[in-house]
C-alpha atoms as a PDB file:
ATOM      1  CA  MET A   1     -40.054 -57.658 -49.298  1.00  0.00           C
ATOM      2  CA  LEU A   2     -41.476 -61.455 -48.514  1.00  0.00           C
ATOM      3  CA  LYS A   3     -39.169 -63.262 -46.812  1.00  0.00           C
ATOM      4  CA  THR A   4     -38.604 -66.694 -49.067  1.00  0.00           C
ATOM      5  CA  ALA A   5     -35.992 -68.971 -49.791  1.00  0.00           C
ATOM      6  CA  PRO A   6     -34.236 -67.117 -52.770  1.00  0.00           C
ATOM      7  CA  ARG A   7     -35.880 -67.648 -56.166  1.00  0.00           C
ATOM      8  CA  LEU A   8     -32.261 -68.517 -58.045  1.00  0.00           C
ATOM      9  CA  SER A   9     -29.326 -70.155 -56.489  1.00  0.00           C
ATOM     10  CA  ARG A  10     -26.422 -68.574 -56.346  1.00  0.00           C
ATOM     11  CA  VAL A  11     -22.812 -69.540 -58.069  1.00  0.00           C
ATOM     12  CA  PRO A  12     -20.152 -70.903 -55.344  1.00  0.00           C
ATOM     13  CA  ARG A  13     -17.029 -69.739 -55.982  1.00  0.00           C
ATOM     14  CA  SER A  14     -15.986 -73.212 -56.432  1.00  0.00           C
ATOM     15  CA  GLU A  15     -18.143 -73.245 -58.953  1.00  0.00           C
ATOM     16  CA  ALA A  16     -17.488 -70.427 -60.924  1.00  0.00           C
ATOM     17  CA  ALA A  17     -15.807 -69.585 -64.107  1.00  0.00           C
ATOM     18  CA  PRO A  18     -12.323 -68.174 -63.916  1.00  0.00           C
ATOM     19  CA  ALA A  19     -13.207 -65.004 -64.671  1.00  0.00           C
ATOM     20  CA  VAL A  20     -16.012 -64.600 -62.088  1.00  0.00           C
ATOM     21  CA  ALA A  21     -13.866 -66.068 -59.533  1.00  0.00           C
ATOM     22  CA  GLU A  22     -11.460 -63.639 -59.801  1.00  0.00           C
ATOM     23  CA  ILE A  23     -14.320 -60.721 -59.256  1.00  0.00           C
ATOM     24  CA  TYR A  24     -15.629 -62.789 -56.310  1.00  0.00           C
ATOM     25  CA  ASP A  25     -12.032 -62.362 -54.899  1.00  0.00           C
ATOM     26  CA  ARG A  26     -11.980 -58.509 -55.529  1.00  0.00           C
ATOM     27  CA  TYR A  27     -14.894 -58.110 -53.825  1.00  0.00           C
ATOM     28  CA  MET A  28     -13.818 -60.295 -51.142  1.00  0.00           C
ATOM     29  CA  ARG A  29     -10.938 -57.717 -50.657  1.00  0.00           C
ATOM     30  CA  THR A  30     -12.546 -54.696 -50.784  1.00  0.00           C
ATOM     31  CA  ARG A  31     -15.949 -55.329 -48.754  1.00  0.00           C
ATOM     32  CA  GLY A  32     -15.819 -58.382 -47.294  1.00  0.00           C
ATOM     33  CA  ASN A  33     -18.390 -60.335 -49.401  1.00  0.00           C
ATOM     34  CA  VAL A  34     -19.867 -61.260 -52.769  1.00  0.00           C
ATOM     35  CA  PRO A  35     -22.956 -59.717 -53.117  1.00  0.00           C
ATOM     36  CA  ASN A  36     -25.928 -62.106 -53.636  1.00  0.00           C
ATOM     37  CA  MET A  37     -26.970 -60.471 -56.659  1.00  0.00           C
ATOM     38  CA  PHE A  38     -23.581 -60.602 -58.367  1.00  0.00           C
ATOM     39  CA  ARG A  39     -23.214 -64.467 -57.082  1.00  0.00           C
ATOM     40  CA  THR A  40     -26.913 -65.201 -58.664  1.00  0.00           C
ATOM     41  CA  MET A  41     -25.683 -63.096 -61.736  1.00  0.00           C
ATOM     42  CA  ALA A  42     -23.002 -65.297 -62.281  1.00  0.00           C
ATOM     43  CA  HIS A  43     -25.371 -68.225 -63.798  1.00  0.00           C
ATOM     44  CA  ARG A  44     -24.145 -66.184 -67.124  1.00  0.00           C
ATOM     45  CA  PRO A  45     -20.787 -65.081 -66.266  1.00  0.00           C
ATOM     46  CA  GLU A  46     -20.598 -63.018 -69.614  1.00  0.00           C
ATOM     47  CA  ILE A  47     -23.383 -60.897 -68.341  1.00  0.00           C
ATOM     48  CA  PHE A  48     -22.229 -60.723 -64.959  1.00  0.00           C
ATOM     49  CA  GLU A  49     -18.922 -59.977 -66.383  1.00  0.00           C
ATOM     50  CA  THR A  50     -20.044 -56.831 -68.655  1.00  0.00           C
ATOM     51  CA  MET A  51     -22.601 -55.760 -65.822  1.00  0.00           C
ATOM     52  CA  ILE A  52     -19.331 -55.981 -63.129  1.00  0.00           C
ATOM     53  CA  ALA A  53     -17.382 -53.339 -65.608  1.00  0.00           C
ATOM     54  CA  HIS A  54     -20.509 -51.467 -66.116  1.00  0.00           C
ATOM     55  CA  PHE A  55     -21.056 -50.558 -62.260  1.00  0.00           C
ATOM     56  CA  GLU A  56     -17.432 -50.144 -61.898  1.00  0.00           C
ATOM     57  CA  ALA A  57     -17.351 -47.273 -64.713  1.00  0.00           C
ATOM     58  CA  ILE A  58     -20.233 -45.741 -63.711  1.00  0.00           C
ATOM     59  CA  LEU A  59     -18.880 -45.430 -59.764  1.00  0.00           C
ATOM     60  CA  ASN A  60     -15.375 -45.317 -60.039  1.00  0.00           C
ATOM     61  CA  THR A  61     -14.444 -43.024 -63.486  1.00  0.00           C
ATOM     62  CA  GLY A  62     -16.013 -39.504 -64.436  1.00  0.00           C
ATOM     63  CA  THR A  63     -15.431 -36.714 -62.717  1.00  0.00           C
ATOM     64  CA  LEU A  64     -18.754 -36.915 -60.070  1.00  0.00           C
ATOM     65  CA  PRO A  65     -17.938 -37.635 -57.202  1.00  0.00           C
ATOM     66  CA  VAL A  66     -19.085 -41.149 -55.620  1.00  0.00           C
ATOM     67  CA  ARG A  67     -20.558 -39.395 -52.916  1.00  0.00           C
ATOM     68  CA  LEU A  68     -23.369 -38.155 -55.239  1.00  0.00           C
ATOM     69  CA  LYS A  69     -23.795 -40.912 -57.210  1.00  0.00           C
ATOM     70  CA  GLU A  70     -24.225 -42.733 -54.302  1.00  0.00           C
ATOM     71  CA  LEU A  71     -27.253 -40.482 -53.188  1.00  0.00           C
ATOM     72  CA  VAL A  72     -29.381 -40.908 -56.509  1.00  0.00           C
ATOM     73  CA  ILE A  73     -28.744 -44.247 -55.888  1.00  0.00           C
ATOM     74  CA  VAL A  74     -30.243 -44.406 -52.256  1.00  0.00           C
ATOM     75  CA  ARG A  75     -32.943 -42.244 -53.761  1.00  0.00           C
ATOM     76  CA  THR A  76     -33.781 -44.249 -56.856  1.00  0.00           C
ATOM     77  CA  SER A  77     -33.185 -47.347 -54.608  1.00  0.00           C
ATOM     78  CA  GLN A  78     -35.945 -46.118 -52.523  1.00  0.00           C
ATOM     79  CA  LEU A  79     -38.464 -45.213 -54.985  1.00  0.00           C
ATOM     80  CA  ASN A  80     -38.557 -48.305 -56.313  1.00  0.00           C
ATOM     81  CA  ARG A  81     -38.501 -50.173 -52.667  1.00  0.00           C
ATOM     82  CA  CYS A  82     -35.545 -52.371 -52.733  1.00  0.00           C
ATOM     83  CA  GLU A  83     -34.385 -53.164 -49.606  1.00  0.00           C
ATOM     84  CA  TYR A  84     -31.450 -55.306 -50.936  1.00  0.00           C
ATOM     85  CA  CYS A  85     -29.798 -52.218 -52.615  1.00  0.00           C
ATOM     86  CA  LEU A  86     -30.825 -49.833 -49.609  1.00  0.00           C
ATOM     87  CA  GLY A  87     -29.445 -52.327 -47.652  1.00  0.00           C
ATOM     88  CA  SER A  88     -25.732 -51.877 -48.847  1.00  0.00           C
ATOM     89  CA  HIS A  89     -26.198 -48.411 -50.699  1.00  0.00           C
ATOM     90  CA  THR A  90     -27.690 -46.833 -47.334  1.00  0.00           C
ATOM     91  CA  GLN A  91     -24.372 -48.048 -45.558  1.00  0.00           C
ATOM     92  CA  ILE A  92     -21.996 -46.811 -48.486  1.00  0.00           C
ATOM     93  CA  ALA A  93     -23.484 -43.180 -48.347  1.00  0.00           C
ATOM     94  CA  MET A  94     -23.062 -43.091 -44.612  1.00  0.00           C
ATOM     95  CA  ARG A  95     -19.596 -43.772 -44.969  1.00  0.00           C
ATOM     96  CA  LEU A  96     -19.355 -41.423 -47.565  1.00  0.00           C
ATOM     97  CA  GLY A  97     -20.229 -38.574 -45.452  1.00  0.00           C
ATOM     98  CA  TRP A  98     -24.115 -38.402 -45.739  1.00  0.00           C
ATOM     99  CA  SER A  99     -26.268 -38.489 -42.345  1.00  0.00           C
ATOM    100  CA  ARG A 100     -29.278 -41.461 -41.993  1.00  0.00           C
ATOM    101  CA  GLU A 101     -31.338 -38.405 -41.472  1.00  0.00           C
ATOM    102  CA  GLN A 102     -30.740 -37.029 -44.582  1.00  0.00           C
ATOM    103  CA  LEU A 103     -30.920 -40.369 -45.982  1.00  0.00           C
ATOM    104  CA  ASP A 104     -33.987 -41.444 -44.848  1.00  0.00           C
ATOM    105  CA  GLN A 105     -35.755 -37.952 -45.491  1.00  0.00           C
ATOM    106  CA  LEU A 106     -34.685 -37.705 -48.934  1.00  0.00           C
ATOM    107  CA  ALA A 107     -38.157 -37.760 -49.716  1.00  0.00           C
ATOM    108  CA  HIS A 108     -38.504 -34.634 -48.697  1.00  0.00           C
ATOM    109  CA  TYR A 109     -34.714 -32.967 -50.144  1.00  0.00           C
ATOM    110  CA  ALA A 110     -36.630 -29.824 -52.055  1.00  0.00           C
ATOM    111  CA  ASP A 111     -37.379 -28.421 -48.944  1.00  0.00           C
ATOM    112  CA  ARG A 112     -34.267 -29.194 -46.532  1.00  0.00           C
ATOM    113  CA  LYS A 113     -31.096 -26.844 -46.368  1.00  0.00           C
ATOM    114  CA  ASP A 114     -28.983 -29.137 -46.059  1.00  0.00           C
ATOM    115  CA  PHE A 115     -28.303 -30.304 -49.931  1.00  0.00           C
ATOM    116  CA  THR A 116     -27.341 -27.969 -52.449  1.00  0.00           C
ATOM    117  CA  SER A 117     -28.905 -26.816 -55.518  1.00  0.00           C
ATOM    118  CA  ALA A 118     -26.638 -29.133 -57.367  1.00  0.00           C
ATOM    119  CA  GLU A 119     -27.837 -31.899 -55.220  1.00  0.00           C
ATOM    120  CA  LYS A 120     -31.744 -31.542 -55.265  1.00  0.00           C
ATOM    121  CA  ALA A 121     -31.196 -31.520 -59.283  1.00  0.00           C
ATOM    122  CA  ALA A 122     -29.625 -34.500 -59.224  1.00  0.00           C
ATOM    123  CA  LEU A 123     -32.369 -35.702 -56.661  1.00  0.00           C
ATOM    124  CA  ARG A 124     -35.136 -34.224 -58.670  1.00  0.00           C
ATOM    125  CA  LEU A 125     -33.506 -36.667 -62.122  1.00  0.00           C
ATOM    126  CA  ALA A 126     -33.469 -39.273 -59.694  1.00  0.00           C
ATOM    127  CA  GLU A 127     -36.950 -39.342 -59.551  1.00  0.00           C
ATOM    128  CA  GLN A 128     -37.736 -38.012 -62.837  1.00  0.00           C
ATOM    129  CA  MET A 129     -36.168 -40.803 -64.688  1.00  0.00           C
ATOM    130  CA  THR A 130     -37.703 -43.220 -62.344  1.00  0.00           C
ATOM    131  CA  LEU A 131     -40.857 -42.545 -62.213  1.00  0.00           C
ATOM    132  CA  ASP A 132     -41.554 -41.102 -65.500  1.00  0.00           C
ATOM    133  CA  ALA A 133     -38.794 -40.938 -67.970  1.00  0.00           C
ATOM    134  CA  ASN A 134     -40.680 -39.789 -70.732  1.00  0.00           C
ATOM    135  CA  HIS A 135     -41.677 -36.635 -69.486  1.00  0.00           C
ATOM    136  CA  ILE A 136     -38.711 -34.881 -68.012  1.00  0.00           C
ATOM    137  CA  PRO A 137     -39.343 -31.106 -68.795  1.00  0.00           C
ATOM    138  CA  ASP A 138     -36.636 -29.346 -70.988  1.00  0.00           C
ATOM    139  CA  GLU A 139     -36.073 -26.932 -68.314  1.00  0.00           C
ATOM    140  CA  ASN A 140     -35.160 -29.201 -65.873  1.00  0.00           C
ATOM    141  CA  PHE A 141     -32.217 -30.057 -67.803  1.00  0.00           C
ATOM    142  CA  GLU A 142     -31.530 -26.538 -68.190  1.00  0.00           C
ATOM    143  CA  THR A 143     -31.121 -26.666 -64.286  1.00  0.00           C
ATOM    144  CA  LEU A 144     -29.079 -29.858 -64.451  1.00  0.00           C
ATOM    145  CA  ARG A 145     -26.682 -27.708 -66.836  1.00  0.00           C
ATOM    146  CA  GLU A 146     -26.311 -24.808 -64.498  1.00  0.00           C
ATOM    147  CA  HIS A 147     -24.419 -27.152 -62.127  1.00  0.00           C
ATOM    148  CA  PHE A 148     -22.988 -30.182 -64.745  1.00  0.00           C
ATOM    149  CA  ASP A 149     -21.663 -30.900 -67.548  1.00  0.00           C
ATOM    150  CA  GLU A 150     -23.084 -33.125 -70.205  1.00  0.00           C
ATOM    151  CA  GLY A 151     -20.861 -35.709 -69.360  1.00  0.00           C
ATOM    152  CA  GLU A 152     -21.475 -35.059 -65.496  1.00  0.00           C
ATOM    153  CA  ILE A 153     -25.570 -35.678 -66.660  1.00  0.00           C
ATOM    154  CA  VAL A 154     -24.731 -38.517 -68.607  1.00  0.00           C
ATOM    155  CA  GLU A 155     -23.047 -40.062 -65.224  1.00  0.00           C
ATOM    156  CA  LEU A 156     -25.797 -39.550 -63.084  1.00  0.00           C
ATOM    157  CA  MET A 157     -28.187 -40.567 -66.018  1.00  0.00           C
ATOM    158  CA  ALA A 158     -26.289 -43.892 -66.086  1.00  0.00           C
ATOM    159  CA  ALA A 159     -26.084 -44.540 -62.065  1.00  0.00           C
ATOM    160  CA  ILE A 160     -30.093 -43.606 -61.986  1.00  0.00           C
ATOM    161  CA  GLY A 161     -30.493 -45.960 -64.566  1.00  0.00           C
ATOM    162  CA  LEU A 162     -28.040 -48.949 -63.593  1.00  0.00           C
ATOM    163  CA  PHE A 163     -30.069 -48.817 -60.338  1.00  0.00           C
ATOM    164  CA  ASN A 164     -33.396 -48.814 -61.766  1.00  0.00           C
ATOM    165  CA  TYR A 165     -32.132 -52.374 -63.675  1.00  0.00           C
ATOM    166  CA  PHE A 166     -30.715 -53.558 -60.529  1.00  0.00           C
ATOM    167  CA  ASN A 167     -33.418 -52.493 -58.348  1.00  0.00           C
ATOM    168  CA  ARG A 168     -35.769 -54.577 -60.195  1.00  0.00           C
ATOM    169  CA  PHE A 169     -33.547 -57.355 -60.621  1.00  0.00           C
ATOM    170  CA  ASN A 170     -33.489 -57.714 -57.080  1.00  0.00           C
ATOM    171  CA  ASN A 171     -37.034 -56.868 -56.241  1.00  0.00           C
ATOM    172  CA  ALA A 172     -38.467 -59.946 -58.598  1.00  0.00           C
ATOM    173  CA  LEU A 173     -35.651 -62.165 -57.285  1.00  0.00           C
ATOM    174  CA  GLN A 174     -36.858 -61.168 -53.641  1.00  0.00           C
ATOM    175  CA  MET A 175     -32.742 -61.219 -52.853  1.00  0.00           C
ATOM    176  CA  GLU A 176     -31.626 -61.174 -49.694  1.00  0.00           C
ATOM    177  CA  PRO A 177     -28.885 -59.133 -47.748  1.00  0.00           C
ATOM    178  CA  THR A 178     -25.909 -60.011 -48.235  1.00  0.00           C
ATOM    179  CA  LYS A 179     -23.985 -61.198 -45.247  1.00  0.00           C
ATOM    180  CA  PRO A 180     -20.360 -60.133 -44.102  1.00  0.00           C
ATOM    181  CA  GLY A 181     -18.319 -63.475 -45.494  1.00  0.00           C
ATOM    182  CA  GLU A 182     -20.577 -64.282 -48.131  1.00  0.00           C
ATOM    183  CA  GLY A 183     -19.250 -65.896 -51.323  1.00  0.00           C
ATOM    184  CA  THR A 184     -16.552 -67.758 -49.837  1.00  0.00           C
ATOM    185  CA  GLU A 185     -18.700 -70.974 -50.168  1.00  0.00           C
END
């Protein structure tokens, strides 16, 4: 990714709509920063608010562990070469118990013994949806059904789909990684 000035400005908290300012405050409390992507998306509060609701529903509801969702998010972001998303979600995945070595070697997950068959099926789905969603073989869905119920498959697909969107948004804007404490201005 090229290091340039931000392509779009970030909405400071002092200029944010009240509902957006509440989201900023929540993320400052829970993460210690307001992600640059969020502060850019805040130019359209109605889009930002629904994006946050969708993001939080995908990560914080359902029956799949967040640990597995973060694993497919990291793989999706690797495939899309999204340095911005990899910067934060690799750290989150490591806090959830994945090792740096596992994450750095995700391209070789199929040959590794430190991923379960369910995790491998989820990673395969992340690759297929990201690289060519039009040609996922039916037998791959049969494999997914061996490990996950249909609602859980929806959860996986939603996480992968959302991060394909986020990756493209951030890559196109050459979004810089967020630093601790950013978003208070």
